[in-house]
Amino acid sequence: MKLETYLRFAKIPYMNVHGSQKSKKGKYPWIEYNGQELSDTEFIIEFLNETFKIDLDEKFTAKERGAARAFQKMLEENTFWAVTLDRWLYDSKSSGFRLIGVPSWIIFFLRRNVKNTTYAHGIGRHSPEEVYHILDRDLQSLSDFIGTNKFLLGDEPCQEDCAVFGQLSQIYWHSFGNKCNTYLKKYDNLCNYCERMKERFWPDWEQCITKGMTQKATK
């Protein structure tokens, strides 16, 4: 979601190729540009910015850019893990994924992997109540920062909005009524932010979610 929103924001033509093949680094997502493979959204976006001379943050001050990156990293490196625990471990039946047909054996291995990974990370050593407290503090901080802004830094989006939307959209639309969705809905401005980003960059949203994301090359 982060990368595709960035591509739409930067107006870079692209085509999705759906499959299970990982990059040489064993990561998703990854891109191929003129035969060159790149993985990890951080490096992909850096590469594309340099290649196409793009600066989506040029109108913002250094202080604003720094704050935007800090919130991006909070969501990607902290909030993400709380959402992952809520989705795969705290929902004991992984009911949302059963609804969309994920086989039980895949859910079993994913749950085991999440348990081991989050324990190594550290957040998995906390109780569910403590993890939800961390999640709520993150969301409250983001809500307080955005305030009445339309986007993260004001009336116009910045590059980091792509990452923020990428994380929040998973909670807002893809949590199947889990607790993390309940926490997000406490903050009206974050819910409105999700809708605003969808309207701005995903006018074909309904078509994408029913037909497997962007199928044709964008212009």
N, C-alpha and C. Protein backbone atom coordinates (compact mmCIF):
# COMPACT_ATOMS: atom_id res chain seq x y z
N MET A 1 0.83 -1.20 0.00
CA MET A 1 0.00 0.00 0.00
C MET A 1 0.87 1.26 0.00
N LYS A 2 1.90 1.26 0.84
CA LYS A 2 2.82 2.41 0.92
C LYS A 2 3.45 2.69 -0.44
N LEU A 3 4.01 1.66 -1.06
CA LEU A 3 4.73 1.85 -2.32
C LEU A 3 3.79 2.25 -3.45
N GLU A 4 2.65 1.59 -3.53
CA GLU A 4 1.74 1.90 -4.63
C GLU A 4 1.13 3.29 -4.46
N THR A 5 0.88 3.70 -3.23
CA THR A 5 0.39 5.06 -3.01
C THR A 5 1.46 6.07 -3.41
N TYR A 6 2.72 5.78 -3.09
CA TYR A 6 3.82 6.65 -3.51
C TYR A 6 3.88 6.75 -5.03
N LEU A 7 3.78 5.63 -5.73
CA LEU A 7 3.84 5.64 -7.19
C LEU A 7 2.72 6.48 -7.79
N ARG A 8 1.56 6.42 -7.20
CA ARG A 8 0.44 7.23 -7.66
C ARG A 8 0.68 8.71 -7.36
N PHE A 9 1.19 8.99 -6.17
CA PHE A 9 1.49 10.36 -5.76
C PHE A 9 2.55 10.96 -6.69
N ALA A 10 3.60 10.20 -6.97
CA ALA A 10 4.71 10.68 -7.80
C ALA A 10 4.41 10.61 -9.29
N LYS A 11 3.27 10.01 -9.64
CA LYS A 11 2.84 9.87 -11.04
C LYS A 11 3.87 9.08 -11.86
N ILE A 12 4.34 7.99 -11.28
CA ILE A 12 5.27 7.09 -11.96
C ILE A 12 4.47 5.91 -12.50
N PRO A 13 4.46 5.69 -13.81
CA PRO A 13 3.71 4.55 -14.37
C PRO A 13 4.24 3.22 -13.82
N TYR A 14 3.35 2.29 -13.58
CA TYR A 14 3.77 1.00 -13.04
C TYR A 14 2.71 -0.04 -13.36
N MET A 15 3.09 -1.29 -13.20
CA MET A 15 2.13 -2.38 -13.35
C MET A 15 2.38 -3.39 -12.23
N ASN A 16 1.33 -3.82 -11.58
CA ASN A 16 1.44 -4.86 -10.56
C ASN A 16 1.59 -6.22 -11.21
N VAL A 17 2.48 -7.03 -10.66
CA VAL A 17 2.60 -8.43 -11.05
C VAL A 17 2.34 -9.25 -9.80
N HIS A 18 1.26 -10.00 -9.79
CA HIS A 18 0.86 -10.73 -8.59
C HIS A 18 1.46 -12.13 -8.60
N GLY A 19 2.03 -12.50 -7.48
CA GLY A 19 2.63 -13.82 -7.36
C GLY A 19 3.29 -13.97 -6.01
N SER A 20 3.86 -15.14 -5.77
CA SER A 20 4.46 -15.42 -4.47
C SER A 20 5.98 -15.29 -4.48
N GLN A 21 6.55 -14.96 -5.63
CA GLN A 21 8.01 -14.88 -5.73
C GLN A 21 8.54 -13.69 -4.93
N LYS A 22 9.51 -13.97 -4.06
CA LYS A 22 10.13 -12.92 -3.27
C LYS A 22 11.35 -12.37 -4.00
N SER A 23 11.85 -11.24 -3.51
CA SER A 23 13.07 -10.67 -4.08
C SER A 23 14.26 -11.54 -3.69
N LYS A 24 15.43 -11.20 -4.23
CA LYS A 24 16.64 -11.95 -3.89
C LYS A 24 16.98 -11.81 -2.41
N LYS A 25 16.50 -10.74 -1.79
CA LYS A 25 16.69 -10.55 -0.35
C LYS A 25 15.62 -11.27 0.46
N GLY A 26 14.69 -11.92 -0.23
CA GLY A 26 13.62 -12.63 0.46
C GLY A 26 12.55 -11.72 1.01
N LYS A 27 12.30 -10.58 0.32
CA LYS A 27 11.37 -9.58 0.85
C LYS A 27 10.28 -9.26 -0.16
N TYR A 28 9.16 -8.79 0.40
CA TYR A 28 8.08 -8.16 -0.35
C TYR A 28 7.95 -6.73 0.15
N PRO A 29 7.48 -5.79 -0.65
CA PRO A 29 7.36 -5.88 -2.10
C PRO A 29 8.72 -5.63 -2.74
N TRP A 30 8.79 -5.88 -4.02
CA TRP A 30 10.00 -5.54 -4.75
C TRP A 30 9.61 -5.12 -6.16
N ILE A 31 10.51 -4.42 -6.81
CA ILE A 31 10.22 -3.93 -8.16
C ILE A 31 11.35 -4.34 -9.11
N GLU A 32 11.02 -4.30 -10.38
CA GLU A 32 12.05 -4.44 -11.41
C GLU A 32 11.96 -3.22 -12.30
N TYR A 33 13.08 -2.52 -12.45
CA TYR A 33 13.13 -1.32 -13.28
C TYR A 33 14.27 -1.47 -14.27
N ASN A 34 13.93 -1.54 -15.55
CA ASN A 34 14.94 -1.73 -16.60
C ASN A 34 15.86 -2.90 -16.29
N GLY A 35 15.26 -3.99 -15.81
CA GLY A 35 16.03 -5.19 -15.52
C GLY A 35 16.71 -5.21 -14.17
N GLN A 36 16.64 -4.10 -13.44
CA GLN A 36 17.28 -4.02 -12.12
C GLN A 36 16.26 -4.31 -11.03
N GLU A 37 16.58 -5.24 -10.15
CA GLU A 37 15.69 -5.60 -9.05
C GLU A 37 16.01 -4.77 -7.82
N LEU A 38 14.98 -4.22 -7.20
CA LEU A 38 15.14 -3.49 -5.95
C LEU A 38 14.08 -3.96 -4.97
N SER A 39 14.48 -4.12 -3.69
CA SER A 39 13.52 -4.52 -2.67
C SER A 39 13.63 -3.59 -1.47
N ASP A 40 12.60 -3.64 -0.62
CA ASP A 40 12.43 -2.78 0.55
C ASP A 40 11.96 -1.40 0.10
N THR A 41 10.78 -1.04 0.54
CA THR A 41 10.17 0.22 0.09
C THR A 41 11.05 1.44 0.36
N GLU A 42 11.81 1.41 1.45
CA GLU A 42 12.70 2.53 1.77
C GLU A 42 13.67 2.78 0.64
N PHE A 43 14.32 1.71 0.17
CA PHE A 43 15.33 1.84 -0.88
C PHE A 43 14.70 2.01 -2.26
N ILE A 44 13.55 1.39 -2.45
CA ILE A 44 12.86 1.56 -3.74
C ILE A 44 12.48 3.02 -3.95
N ILE A 45 11.88 3.63 -2.94
CA ILE A 45 11.45 5.02 -3.05
C ILE A 45 12.65 5.95 -3.20
N GLU A 46 13.72 5.70 -2.47
CA GLU A 46 14.94 6.50 -2.62
C GLU A 46 15.45 6.42 -4.05
N PHE A 47 15.50 5.21 -4.59
CA PHE A 47 15.98 4.99 -5.96
C PHE A 47 15.12 5.73 -6.97
N LEU A 48 13.81 5.62 -6.83
CA LEU A 48 12.90 6.27 -7.78
C LEU A 48 12.98 7.78 -7.67
N ASN A 49 13.12 8.30 -6.46
CA ASN A 49 13.27 9.75 -6.29
C ASN A 49 14.51 10.25 -7.01
N GLU A 50 15.61 9.52 -6.88
CA GLU A 50 16.86 9.92 -7.53
C GLU A 50 16.77 9.75 -9.05
N THR A 51 16.18 8.65 -9.49
CA THR A 51 16.10 8.36 -10.92
C THR A 51 15.23 9.38 -11.66
N PHE A 52 14.08 9.73 -11.06
CA PHE A 52 13.14 10.63 -11.72
C PHE A 52 13.18 12.06 -11.18
N LYS A 53 14.20 12.35 -10.34
CA LYS A 53 14.37 13.70 -9.78
C LYS A 53 13.09 14.18 -9.10
N ILE A 54 12.60 13.38 -8.19
CA ILE A 54 11.35 13.66 -7.48
C ILE A 54 11.64 14.06 -6.05
N ASP A 55 10.97 15.10 -5.58
CA ASP A 55 11.03 15.49 -4.17
C ASP A 55 9.63 15.89 -3.73
N LEU A 56 8.91 14.95 -3.18
CA LEU A 56 7.53 15.21 -2.76
C LEU A 56 7.45 16.04 -1.49
N ASP A 57 8.60 16.26 -0.85
CA ASP A 57 8.63 17.01 0.41
C ASP A 57 9.27 18.39 0.26
N GLU A 58 9.49 18.85 -0.96
CA GLU A 58 10.24 20.07 -1.17
C GLU A 58 9.57 21.31 -0.57
N LYS A 59 8.27 21.28 -0.41
CA LYS A 59 7.55 22.45 0.10
C LYS A 59 7.58 22.53 1.63
N PHE A 60 8.13 21.50 2.27
CA PHE A 60 8.13 21.46 3.74
C PHE A 60 9.51 21.78 4.31
N THR A 61 9.52 22.30 5.54
CA THR A 61 10.77 22.65 6.19
C THR A 61 11.49 21.39 6.67
N ALA A 62 12.77 21.56 7.01
CA ALA A 62 13.54 20.43 7.52
C ALA A 62 12.92 19.89 8.81
N LYS A 63 12.42 20.79 9.65
CA LYS A 63 11.79 20.38 10.91
C LYS A 63 10.53 19.56 10.63
N GLU A 64 9.73 20.00 9.67
CA GLU A 64 8.51 19.28 9.32
C GLU A 64 8.85 17.90 8.74
N ARG A 65 9.84 17.86 7.87
CA ARG A 65 10.24 16.58 7.27
C ARG A 65 10.74 15.61 8.34
N GLY A 66 11.49 16.15 9.30
CA GLY A 66 11.98 15.30 10.38
C GLY A 66 10.86 14.73 11.22
N ALA A 67 9.86 15.56 11.52
CA ALA A 67 8.71 15.09 12.31
C ALA A 67 7.93 14.03 11.53
N ALA A 68 7.77 14.25 10.23
CA ALA A 68 7.02 13.30 9.40
C ALA A 68 7.72 11.94 9.38
N ARG A 69 9.04 11.97 9.24
CA ARG A 69 9.78 10.70 9.23
C ARG A 69 9.69 10.00 10.58
N ALA A 70 9.73 10.77 11.65
CA ALA A 70 9.64 10.17 12.99
C ALA A 70 8.31 9.43 13.16
N PHE A 71 7.21 10.03 12.70
CA PHE A 71 5.91 9.37 12.80
C PHE A 71 5.83 8.16 11.87
N GLN A 72 6.44 8.28 10.70
CA GLN A 72 6.47 7.13 9.80
C GLN A 72 7.15 5.94 10.47
N LYS A 73 8.31 6.20 11.08
CA LYS A 73 9.06 5.11 11.69
C LYS A 73 8.37 4.58 12.95
N MET A 74 7.67 5.43 13.67
CA MET A 74 6.90 4.95 14.82
C MET A 74 5.87 3.92 14.36
N LEU A 75 5.17 4.25 13.28
CA LEU A 75 4.13 3.36 12.78
C LEU A 75 4.71 2.08 12.19
N GLU A 76 5.81 2.21 11.46
CA GLU A 76 6.39 1.05 10.78
C GLU A 76 7.16 0.13 11.72
N GLU A 77 7.80 0.69 12.72
CA GLU A 77 8.67 -0.11 13.58
C GLU A 77 8.07 -0.42 14.95
N ASN A 78 6.95 0.20 15.29
CA ASN A 78 6.35 -0.02 16.60
C ASN A 78 4.88 -0.42 16.48
N THR A 79 4.07 0.49 15.93
CA THR A 79 2.64 0.23 15.79
C THR A 79 2.38 -1.04 14.98
N PHE A 80 3.16 -1.21 13.94
CA PHE A 80 3.01 -2.38 13.06
C PHE A 80 3.01 -3.69 13.84
N TRP A 81 3.90 -3.79 14.82
CA TRP A 81 4.02 -5.04 15.57
C TRP A 81 2.83 -5.26 16.50
N ALA A 82 2.30 -4.18 17.03
CA ALA A 82 1.09 -4.30 17.86
C ALA A 82 -0.08 -4.80 17.02
N VAL A 83 -0.20 -4.26 15.81
CA VAL A 83 -1.27 -4.69 14.90
C VAL A 83 -1.07 -6.15 14.49
N THR A 84 0.18 -6.52 14.25
CA THR A 84 0.49 -7.90 13.88
C THR A 84 0.08 -8.88 14.98
N LEU A 85 0.40 -8.54 16.22
CA LEU A 85 0.00 -9.40 17.34
C LEU A 85 -1.51 -9.49 17.46
N ASP A 86 -2.19 -8.36 17.29
CA ASP A 86 -3.65 -8.34 17.38
C ASP A 86 -4.26 -9.23 16.30
N ARG A 87 -3.69 -9.17 15.13
CA ARG A 87 -4.26 -9.88 13.98
C ARG A 87 -4.01 -11.38 14.05
N TRP A 88 -2.81 -11.78 14.43
CA TRP A 88 -2.43 -13.18 14.31
C TRP A 88 -2.45 -13.97 15.61
N LEU A 89 -2.22 -13.32 16.74
CA LEU A 89 -2.16 -14.06 18.00
C LEU A 89 -3.34 -13.79 18.92
N TYR A 90 -3.73 -12.52 19.05
CA TYR A 90 -4.80 -12.20 20.00
C TYR A 90 -6.17 -12.58 19.48
N ASP A 91 -6.33 -12.60 18.15
CA ASP A 91 -7.54 -13.18 17.57
C ASP A 91 -7.29 -14.68 17.48
N SER A 92 -7.70 -15.41 18.50
CA SER A 92 -7.31 -16.82 18.64
C SER A 92 -7.71 -17.69 17.46
N LYS A 93 -8.74 -17.30 16.75
CA LYS A 93 -9.19 -18.10 15.61
C LYS A 93 -8.76 -17.51 14.28
N SER A 94 -8.04 -16.36 14.31
CA SER A 94 -7.67 -15.67 13.07
C SER A 94 -8.88 -15.61 12.15
N SER A 95 -10.02 -15.22 12.72
CA SER A 95 -11.31 -15.35 12.03
C SER A 95 -11.36 -14.58 10.73
N GLY A 96 -10.73 -13.42 10.68
CA GLY A 96 -10.76 -12.64 9.45
C GLY A 96 -10.12 -13.35 8.29
N PHE A 97 -9.01 -14.03 8.56
CA PHE A 97 -8.31 -14.72 7.49
C PHE A 97 -9.01 -16.01 7.09
N ARG A 98 -9.74 -16.60 8.01
CA ARG A 98 -10.56 -17.75 7.65
C ARG A 98 -11.71 -17.32 6.74
N LEU A 99 -12.22 -16.12 6.99
CA LEU A 99 -13.33 -15.62 6.17
C LEU A 99 -12.92 -15.45 4.71
N ILE A 100 -11.65 -15.09 4.48
CA ILE A 100 -11.21 -14.88 3.10
C ILE A 100 -10.50 -16.12 2.55
N GLY A 101 -10.60 -17.22 3.28
CA GLY A 101 -10.15 -18.50 2.73
C GLY A 101 -8.71 -18.87 2.94
N VAL A 102 -8.00 -18.23 3.89
CA VAL A 102 -6.61 -18.62 4.16
C VAL A 102 -6.63 -20.00 4.83
N PRO A 103 -5.92 -20.98 4.28
CA PRO A 103 -5.95 -22.34 4.84
C PRO A 103 -5.44 -22.39 6.28
N SER A 104 -5.97 -23.32 7.05
CA SER A 104 -5.61 -23.44 8.47
C SER A 104 -4.13 -23.71 8.66
N TRP A 105 -3.51 -24.50 7.78
CA TRP A 105 -2.10 -24.83 7.96
C TRP A 105 -1.22 -23.61 7.74
N ILE A 106 -1.63 -22.70 6.85
CA ILE A 106 -0.87 -21.47 6.65
C ILE A 106 -1.01 -20.58 7.87
N ILE A 107 -2.23 -20.49 8.40
CA ILE A 107 -2.46 -19.69 9.61
C ILE A 107 -1.61 -20.22 10.76
N PHE A 108 -1.51 -21.54 10.89
CA PHE A 108 -0.72 -22.14 11.97
C PHE A 108 0.74 -21.70 11.88
N PHE A 109 1.33 -21.80 10.70
CA PHE A 109 2.74 -21.43 10.54
C PHE A 109 2.95 -19.93 10.69
N LEU A 110 2.01 -19.14 10.20
CA LEU A 110 2.12 -17.69 10.35
C LEU A 110 2.05 -17.29 11.82
N ARG A 111 1.13 -17.89 12.55
CA ARG A 111 1.00 -17.58 13.97
C ARG A 111 2.27 -17.94 14.73
N ARG A 112 2.85 -19.08 14.42
CA ARG A 112 4.08 -19.49 15.09
C ARG A 112 5.23 -18.54 14.75
N ASN A 113 5.30 -18.15 13.49
CA ASN A 113 6.36 -17.22 13.07
C ASN A 113 6.20 -15.87 13.74
N VAL A 114 4.95 -15.37 13.82
CA VAL A 114 4.69 -14.09 14.48
C VAL A 114 5.07 -14.15 15.95
N LYS A 115 4.73 -15.25 16.59
CA LYS A 115 5.05 -15.40 18.02
C LYS A 115 6.56 -15.33 18.25
N ASN A 116 7.32 -16.04 17.43
CA ASN A 116 8.77 -16.05 17.58
C ASN A 116 9.40 -14.71 17.24
N THR A 117 8.91 -14.10 16.15
CA THR A 117 9.48 -12.83 15.69
C THR A 117 9.20 -11.70 16.68
N THR A 118 7.97 -11.62 17.17
CA THR A 118 7.63 -10.54 18.09
C THR A 118 8.30 -10.73 19.45
N TYR A 119 8.54 -11.98 19.83
CA TYR A 119 9.26 -12.22 21.08
C TYR A 119 10.70 -11.74 20.95
N ALA A 120 11.32 -12.04 19.80
CA ALA A 120 12.69 -11.58 19.56
C ALA A 120 12.74 -10.06 19.47
N HIS A 121 11.72 -9.47 18.87
CA HIS A 121 11.64 -8.01 18.76
C HIS A 121 11.55 -7.37 20.14
N GLY A 122 10.78 -7.99 21.02
CA GLY A 122 10.60 -7.48 22.38
C GLY A 122 9.15 -7.21 22.72
N ILE A 123 8.38 -6.73 21.75
CA ILE A 123 6.99 -6.37 22.03
C ILE A 123 6.17 -7.62 22.37
N GLY A 124 6.58 -8.77 21.84
CA GLY A 124 5.85 -10.00 22.11
C GLY A 124 6.02 -10.52 23.52
N ARG A 125 6.89 -9.90 24.30
CA ARG A 125 7.09 -10.30 25.70
C ARG A 125 6.08 -9.63 26.62
N HIS A 126 5.35 -8.65 26.08
CA HIS A 126 4.37 -7.92 26.89
C HIS A 126 3.03 -8.65 26.90
N SER A 127 2.19 -8.30 27.87
CA SER A 127 0.82 -8.83 27.90
C SER A 127 -0.01 -8.15 26.82
N PRO A 128 -1.12 -8.76 26.40
CA PRO A 128 -1.99 -8.10 25.43
C PRO A 128 -2.42 -6.71 25.88
N GLU A 129 -2.72 -6.54 27.16
CA GLU A 129 -3.13 -5.23 27.67
C GLU A 129 -2.04 -4.20 27.47
N GLU A 130 -0.79 -4.60 27.70
CA GLU A 130 0.33 -3.68 27.53
C GLU A 130 0.56 -3.34 26.07
N VAL A 131 0.37 -4.33 25.21
CA VAL A 131 0.54 -4.09 23.77
C VAL A 131 -0.54 -3.14 23.26
N TYR A 132 -1.77 -3.33 23.70
CA TYR A 132 -2.84 -2.42 23.29
C TYR A 132 -2.60 -1.01 23.83
N HIS A 133 -2.01 -0.92 24.99
CA HIS A 133 -1.66 0.39 25.55
C HIS A 133 -0.64 1.09 24.65
N ILE A 134 0.36 0.33 24.20
CA ILE A 134 1.36 0.88 23.27
C ILE A 134 0.69 1.35 21.99
N LEU A 135 -0.19 0.50 21.44
CA LEU A 135 -0.91 0.84 20.22
C LEU A 135 -1.71 2.13 20.39
N ASP A 136 -2.44 2.23 21.48
CA ASP A 136 -3.29 3.40 21.71
C ASP A 136 -2.45 4.66 21.88
N ARG A 137 -1.32 4.56 22.57
CA ARG A 137 -0.46 5.73 22.74
C ARG A 137 0.09 6.21 21.40
N ASP A 138 0.44 5.27 20.53
CA ASP A 138 0.92 5.63 19.19
C ASP A 138 -0.17 6.35 18.41
N LEU A 139 -1.36 5.79 18.41
CA LEU A 139 -2.47 6.39 17.65
C LEU A 139 -2.86 7.75 18.22
N GLN A 140 -2.84 7.86 19.53
CA GLN A 140 -3.17 9.15 20.15
C GLN A 140 -2.14 10.21 19.78
N SER A 141 -0.86 9.83 19.79
CA SER A 141 0.20 10.77 19.43
C SER A 141 0.04 11.25 17.99
N LEU A 142 -0.26 10.31 17.10
CA LEU A 142 -0.46 10.68 15.70
C LEU A 142 -1.68 11.57 15.54
N SER A 143 -2.77 11.22 16.23
CA SER A 143 -3.99 12.02 16.17
C SER A 143 -3.74 13.44 16.68
N ASP A 144 -3.01 13.55 17.78
CA ASP A 144 -2.71 14.87 18.34
C ASP A 144 -1.86 15.69 17.37
N PHE A 145 -0.93 15.03 16.70
CA PHE A 145 -0.04 15.74 15.77
C PHE A 145 -0.80 16.21 14.54
N ILE A 146 -1.62 15.35 13.97
CA ILE A 146 -2.38 15.72 12.77
C ILE A 146 -3.42 16.79 13.10
N GLY A 147 -4.09 16.66 14.23
CA GLY A 147 -5.08 17.66 14.63
C GLY A 147 -6.13 17.86 13.56
N THR A 148 -6.24 19.11 13.09
CA THR A 148 -7.23 19.44 12.06
C THR A 148 -6.62 19.45 10.65
N ASN A 149 -5.37 19.03 10.54
CA ASN A 149 -4.74 18.96 9.22
C ASN A 149 -5.49 17.99 8.31
N LYS A 150 -5.45 18.26 7.03
CA LYS A 150 -6.01 17.31 6.08
C LYS A 150 -5.09 16.12 5.91
N PHE A 151 -3.77 16.40 5.96
CA PHE A 151 -2.77 15.35 5.82
C PHE A 151 -1.77 15.49 6.95
N LEU A 152 -0.71 14.72 6.91
CA LEU A 152 0.21 14.67 8.05
C LEU A 152 0.77 16.04 8.41
N LEU A 153 1.19 16.81 7.41
CA LEU A 153 1.84 18.09 7.68
C LEU A 153 1.01 19.31 7.32
N GLY A 154 -0.21 19.12 6.87
CA GLY A 154 -1.02 20.28 6.54
C GLY A 154 -2.06 19.98 5.49
N ASP A 155 -2.31 20.96 4.62
CA ASP A 155 -3.37 20.83 3.62
C ASP A 155 -2.96 19.99 2.42
N GLU A 156 -1.65 19.76 2.26
CA GLU A 156 -1.16 18.96 1.15
C GLU A 156 -0.35 17.78 1.68
N PRO A 157 -0.40 16.65 1.00
CA PRO A 157 0.32 15.47 1.48
C PRO A 157 1.82 15.57 1.28
N CYS A 158 2.55 14.82 2.07
CA CYS A 158 4.00 14.69 1.92
C CYS A 158 4.30 13.22 1.61
N GLN A 159 5.55 12.94 1.29
CA GLN A 159 5.92 11.56 0.95
C GLN A 159 5.59 10.59 2.08
N GLU A 160 5.81 11.03 3.32
CA GLU A 160 5.59 10.15 4.46
C GLU A 160 4.12 9.78 4.65
N ASP A 161 3.22 10.56 4.06
CA ASP A 161 1.80 10.20 4.12
C ASP A 161 1.56 8.83 3.48
N CYS A 162 2.37 8.48 2.50
CA CYS A 162 2.21 7.18 1.85
C CYS A 162 2.42 6.05 2.85
N ALA A 163 3.44 6.20 3.71
CA ALA A 163 3.72 5.18 4.72
C ALA A 163 2.69 5.20 5.83
N VAL A 164 2.30 6.40 6.26
CA VAL A 164 1.29 6.51 7.31
C VAL A 164 -0.02 5.88 6.85
N PHE A 165 -0.43 6.20 5.64
CA PHE A 165 -1.66 5.61 5.09
C PHE A 165 -1.51 4.10 4.95
N GLY A 166 -0.32 3.66 4.54
CA GLY A 166 -0.09 2.23 4.39
C GLY A 166 -0.33 1.46 5.68
N GLN A 167 0.07 2.05 6.80
CA GLN A 167 -0.14 1.39 8.09
C GLN A 167 -1.58 1.54 8.58
N LEU A 168 -2.11 2.76 8.53
CA LEU A 168 -3.46 2.99 9.05
C LEU A 168 -4.52 2.26 8.24
N SER A 169 -4.31 2.16 6.94
CA SER A 169 -5.31 1.49 6.10
C SER A 169 -5.47 0.03 6.49
N GLN A 170 -4.38 -0.60 6.95
CA GLN A 170 -4.47 -1.99 7.38
C GLN A 170 -5.35 -2.14 8.62
N ILE A 171 -5.30 -1.12 9.48
CA ILE A 171 -6.14 -1.16 10.68
C ILE A 171 -7.58 -0.79 10.34
N TYR A 172 -7.74 0.22 9.51
CA TYR A 172 -9.06 0.77 9.23
C TYR A 172 -9.92 -0.17 8.38
N TRP A 173 -9.32 -0.77 7.35
CA TRP A 173 -10.10 -1.60 6.42
C TRP A 173 -9.82 -3.09 6.52
N HIS A 174 -8.73 -3.48 7.17
CA HIS A 174 -8.31 -4.88 7.05
C HIS A 174 -8.12 -5.54 8.41
N SER A 175 -8.85 -5.09 9.41
CA SER A 175 -8.70 -5.67 10.74
C SER A 175 -9.87 -6.54 11.16
N PHE A 176 -10.89 -6.63 10.31
CA PHE A 176 -12.01 -7.54 10.54
C PHE A 176 -12.64 -7.37 11.91
N GLY A 177 -12.72 -6.13 12.38
CA GLY A 177 -13.36 -5.87 13.66
C GLY A 177 -12.53 -6.20 14.87
N ASN A 178 -11.23 -6.46 14.68
CA ASN A 178 -10.35 -6.73 15.83
C ASN A 178 -10.19 -5.49 16.69
N LYS A 179 -9.54 -5.67 17.84
CA LYS A 179 -9.43 -4.57 18.79
C LYS A 179 -8.68 -3.37 18.24
N CYS A 180 -7.67 -3.60 17.40
CA CYS A 180 -6.91 -2.46 16.88
C CYS A 180 -7.81 -1.54 16.07
N ASN A 181 -8.80 -2.10 15.38
CA ASN A 181 -9.76 -1.29 14.65
C ASN A 181 -10.60 -0.45 15.59
N THR A 182 -10.97 -1.02 16.73
CA THR A 182 -11.73 -0.29 17.74
C THR A 182 -10.93 0.88 18.29
N TYR A 183 -9.65 0.66 18.52
CA TYR A 183 -8.80 1.74 19.02
C TYR A 183 -8.67 2.86 17.99
N LEU A 184 -8.48 2.51 16.73
CA LEU A 184 -8.34 3.53 15.70
C LEU A 184 -9.60 4.38 15.60
N LYS A 185 -10.76 3.75 15.72
CA LYS A 185 -12.02 4.47 15.54
C LYS A 185 -12.33 5.42 16.70
N LYS A 186 -11.50 5.40 17.74
CA LYS A 186 -11.61 6.41 18.79
C LYS A 186 -11.21 7.79 18.27
N TYR A 187 -10.42 7.80 17.19
CA TYR A 187 -9.83 9.04 16.70
C TYR A 187 -10.44 9.39 15.34
N ASP A 188 -11.44 10.25 15.38
CA ASP A 188 -12.17 10.59 14.16
C ASP A 188 -11.25 11.18 13.09
N ASN A 189 -10.27 11.98 13.51
CA ASN A 189 -9.42 12.61 12.51
C ASN A 189 -8.55 11.59 11.78
N LEU A 190 -8.20 10.49 12.43
CA LEU A 190 -7.42 9.46 11.75
C LEU A 190 -8.29 8.68 10.77
N CYS A 191 -9.53 8.43 11.14
CA CYS A 191 -10.47 7.76 10.22
C CYS A 191 -10.74 8.65 9.01
N ASN A 192 -10.94 9.94 9.25
CA ASN A 192 -11.17 10.88 8.15
C ASN A 192 -9.93 10.99 7.27
N TYR A 193 -8.77 10.90 7.89
CA TYR A 193 -7.50 10.93 7.14
C TYR A 193 -7.44 9.75 6.17
N CYS A 194 -7.80 8.57 6.64
CA CYS A 194 -7.81 7.39 5.77
C CYS A 194 -8.73 7.59 4.57
N GLU A 195 -9.92 8.09 4.83
CA GLU A 195 -10.87 8.32 3.74
C GLU A 195 -10.35 9.38 2.77
N ARG A 196 -9.70 10.39 3.30
CA ARG A 196 -9.16 11.47 2.47
C ARG A 196 -8.03 10.97 1.57
N MET A 197 -7.15 10.17 2.13
CA MET A 197 -6.05 9.61 1.33
C MET A 197 -6.60 8.68 0.25
N LYS A 198 -7.59 7.90 0.59
CA LYS A 198 -8.21 7.01 -0.39
C LYS A 198 -8.81 7.82 -1.53
N GLU A 199 -9.52 8.87 -1.19
CA GLU A 199 -10.16 9.70 -2.21
C GLU A 199 -9.12 10.39 -3.09
N ARG A 200 -8.01 10.82 -2.49
CA ARG A 200 -7.00 11.58 -3.22
C ARG A 200 -6.20 10.69 -4.19
N PHE A 201 -5.81 9.50 -3.72
CA PHE A 201 -4.89 8.69 -4.51
C PHE A 201 -5.47 7.38 -5.04
N TRP A 202 -6.65 7.01 -4.58
CA TRP A 202 -7.23 5.74 -5.00
C TRP A 202 -8.67 5.93 -5.50
N PRO A 203 -8.87 6.70 -6.57
CA PRO A 203 -10.23 6.88 -7.10
C PRO A 203 -10.82 5.56 -7.61
N ASP A 204 -9.94 4.60 -7.90
CA ASP A 204 -10.38 3.29 -8.39
C ASP A 204 -10.40 2.25 -7.27
N TRP A 205 -10.51 2.71 -6.04
CA TRP A 205 -10.42 1.83 -4.86
C TRP A 205 -11.35 0.62 -4.95
N GLU A 206 -12.62 0.86 -5.24
CA GLU A 206 -13.59 -0.24 -5.25
C GLU A 206 -13.24 -1.28 -6.30
N GLN A 207 -12.78 -0.82 -7.44
CA GLN A 207 -12.38 -1.76 -8.49
C GLN A 207 -11.15 -2.56 -8.06
N CYS A 208 -10.21 -1.89 -7.39
CA CYS A 208 -8.98 -2.56 -6.97
C CYS A 208 -9.24 -3.64 -5.93
N ILE A 209 -10.10 -3.35 -4.96
CA ILE A 209 -10.29 -4.31 -3.88
C ILE A 209 -11.17 -5.49 -4.30
N THR A 210 -11.87 -5.37 -5.42
CA THR A 210 -12.69 -6.48 -5.88
C THR A 210 -12.04 -7.25 -7.02
N LYS A 211 -10.99 -6.66 -7.64
CA LYS A 211 -10.36 -7.31 -8.79
C LYS A 211 -8.85 -7.46 -8.62
N GLY A 212 -8.39 -7.47 -7.37
CA GLY A 212 -6.99 -7.81 -7.14
C GLY A 212 -6.00 -6.70 -7.39
N MET A 213 -6.29 -5.51 -6.93
CA MET A 213 -5.38 -4.36 -7.03
C MET A 213 -5.24 -3.90 -8.48
N THR A 214 -4.33 -2.94 -8.72
CA THR A 214 -4.19 -2.34 -10.03
C THR A 214 -3.71 -3.39 -11.04
N GLN A 215 -4.52 -3.64 -12.05
CA GLN A 215 -4.19 -4.68 -13.01
C GLN A 215 -3.46 -4.14 -14.24
N LYS A 216 -3.83 -2.95 -14.67
CA LYS A 216 -3.24 -2.39 -15.88
C LYS A 216 -2.18 -1.35 -15.52
N ALA A 217 -1.25 -1.17 -16.44
CA ALA A 217 -0.21 -0.16 -16.21
C ALA A 217 -0.84 1.21 -16.08
N THR A 218 -0.39 1.98 -15.10
CA THR A 218 -0.90 3.33 -14.94
C THR A 218 -0.23 4.24 -15.95
N LYS A 219 -0.88 5.34 -16.27
CA LYS A 219 -0.35 6.26 -17.28
C LYS A 219 0.21 7.51 -16.61
